[in-house]
Amino acid sequence: MTKSYYIPQKDFERLLWLQNFNLKLIHYAEKLGISVETLLIVLNDTNAFNQTFLN
């Protein structure tokens, strides 16, 4: 059986995945015990990845 990865390999698809992950993480953060600081780190990393496509 071949290995199936859940994170896309193409950069544009990975960006969409990161944006969706960020939105879902915000929604479930309280239930999962994720701090606001951690959410900000994920948001900043997502934005930084996004900036690579704008430049």
C-alpha atoms as a PDB file:
ATOM      1  CA  MET A   1       0.000   0.000   0.000  1.00  0.00           C
ATOM      2  CA  THR A   2       1.406   3.399  -0.954  1.00  0.00           C
ATOM      3  CA  LYS A   3       1.913   6.110   1.598  1.00  0.00           C
ATOM      4  CA  SER A   4      -0.629   8.937   1.586  1.00  0.00           C
ATOM      5  CA  TYR A   5       0.424  12.318   2.954  1.00  0.00           C
ATOM      6  CA  TYR A   6      -2.136  14.688   4.427  1.00  0.00           C
ATOM      7  CA  ILE A   7      -0.110  17.851   3.754  1.00  0.00           C
ATOM      8  CA  PRO A   8      -0.106  18.760   0.043  1.00  0.00           C
ATOM      9  CA  GLN A   9       3.192  18.707  -1.829  1.00  0.00           C
ATOM     10  CA  LYS A  10       2.545  21.702  -4.124  1.00  0.00           C
ATOM     11  CA  ASP A  11       3.150  25.098  -2.530  1.00  0.00           C
ATOM     12  CA  PHE A  12      -0.150  26.681  -3.578  1.00  0.00           C
ATOM     13  CA  GLU A  13      -2.129  23.686  -2.300  1.00  0.00           C
ATOM     14  CA  ARG A  14      -0.074  23.772   0.904  1.00  0.00           C
ATOM     15  CA  LEU A  15      -0.974  27.445   1.358  1.00  0.00           C
ATOM     16  CA  LEU A  16      -4.679  26.624   1.063  1.00  0.00           C
ATOM     17  CA  TRP A  17      -4.212  23.773   3.537  1.00  0.00           C
ATOM     18  CA  LEU A  18      -2.419  26.074   6.008  1.00  0.00           C
ATOM     19  CA  GLN A  19      -5.129  28.714   5.762  1.00  0.00           C
ATOM     20  CA  ASN A  20      -7.837  26.113   6.369  1.00  0.00           C
ATOM     21  CA  PHE A  21      -5.837  24.571   9.233  1.00  0.00           C
ATOM     22  CA  ASN A  22      -5.449  28.004  10.830  1.00  0.00           C
ATOM     23  CA  LEU A  23      -9.210  28.659  10.681  1.00  0.00           C
ATOM     24  CA  LYS A  24     -10.052  25.226  12.094  1.00  0.00           C
ATOM     25  CA  LEU A  25      -7.445  25.569  14.834  1.00  0.00           C
ATOM     26  CA  ILE A  26      -8.967  28.858  15.983  1.00  0.00           C
ATOM     27  CA  HIS A  27     -12.367  27.173  16.142  1.00  0.00           C
ATOM     28  CA  TYR A  28     -11.139  24.217  18.230  1.00  0.00           C
ATOM     29  CA  ALA A  29      -8.442  25.978  20.269  1.00  0.00           C
ATOM     30  CA  GLU A  30     -10.367  26.183  23.539  1.00  0.00           C
ATOM     31  CA  LYS A  31     -11.460  22.533  23.391  1.00  0.00           C
ATOM     32  CA  LEU A  32      -7.887  21.458  22.638  1.00  0.00           C
ATOM     33  CA  GLY A  33      -6.286  23.755  25.224  1.00  0.00           C
ATOM     34  CA  ILE A  34      -4.321  25.764  22.676  1.00  0.00           C
ATOM     35  CA  SER A  35      -3.162  29.156  23.919  1.00  0.00           C
ATOM     36  CA  VAL A  36      -3.660  32.491  22.181  1.00  0.00           C
ATOM     37  CA  GLU A  37       0.126  32.747  21.854  1.00  0.00           C
ATOM     38  CA  THR A  38       0.249  29.480  19.933  1.00  0.00           C
ATOM     39  CA  LEU A  39      -2.606  30.599  17.686  1.00  0.00           C
ATOM     40  CA  LEU A  40      -0.665  33.780  16.910  1.00  0.00           C
ATOM     41  CA  ILE A  41       2.426  31.756  16.030  1.00  0.00           C
ATOM     42  CA  VAL A  42       0.409  29.628  13.597  1.00  0.00           C
ATOM     43  CA  LEU A  43      -1.241  32.730  12.120  1.00  0.00           C
ATOM     44  CA  ASN A  44       2.118  34.488  11.691  1.00  0.00           C
ATOM     45  CA  ASP A  45       3.669  31.417  10.081  1.00  0.00           C
ATOM     46  CA  THR A  46       0.713  31.089   7.711  1.00  0.00           C
ATOM     47  CA  ASN A  47       1.014  34.763   6.778  1.00  0.00           C
ATOM     48  CA  ALA A  48       4.765  34.434   6.236  1.00  0.00           C
ATOM     49  CA  PHE A  49       4.218  31.446   3.931  1.00  0.00           C
ATOM     50  CA  ASN A  50       1.573  33.472   2.086  1.00  0.00           C
ATOM     51  CA  GLN A  51       4.002  36.390   1.624  1.00  0.00           C
ATOM     52  CA  THR A  52       6.351  34.172  -0.358  1.00  0.00           C
ATOM     53  CA  PHE A  53       3.721  34.069  -3.113  1.00  0.00           C
ATOM     54  CA  LEU A  54       3.106  37.812  -3.131  1.00  0.00           C
ATOM     55  CA  ASN A  55       6.756  38.773  -3.681  1.00  0.00           C
END
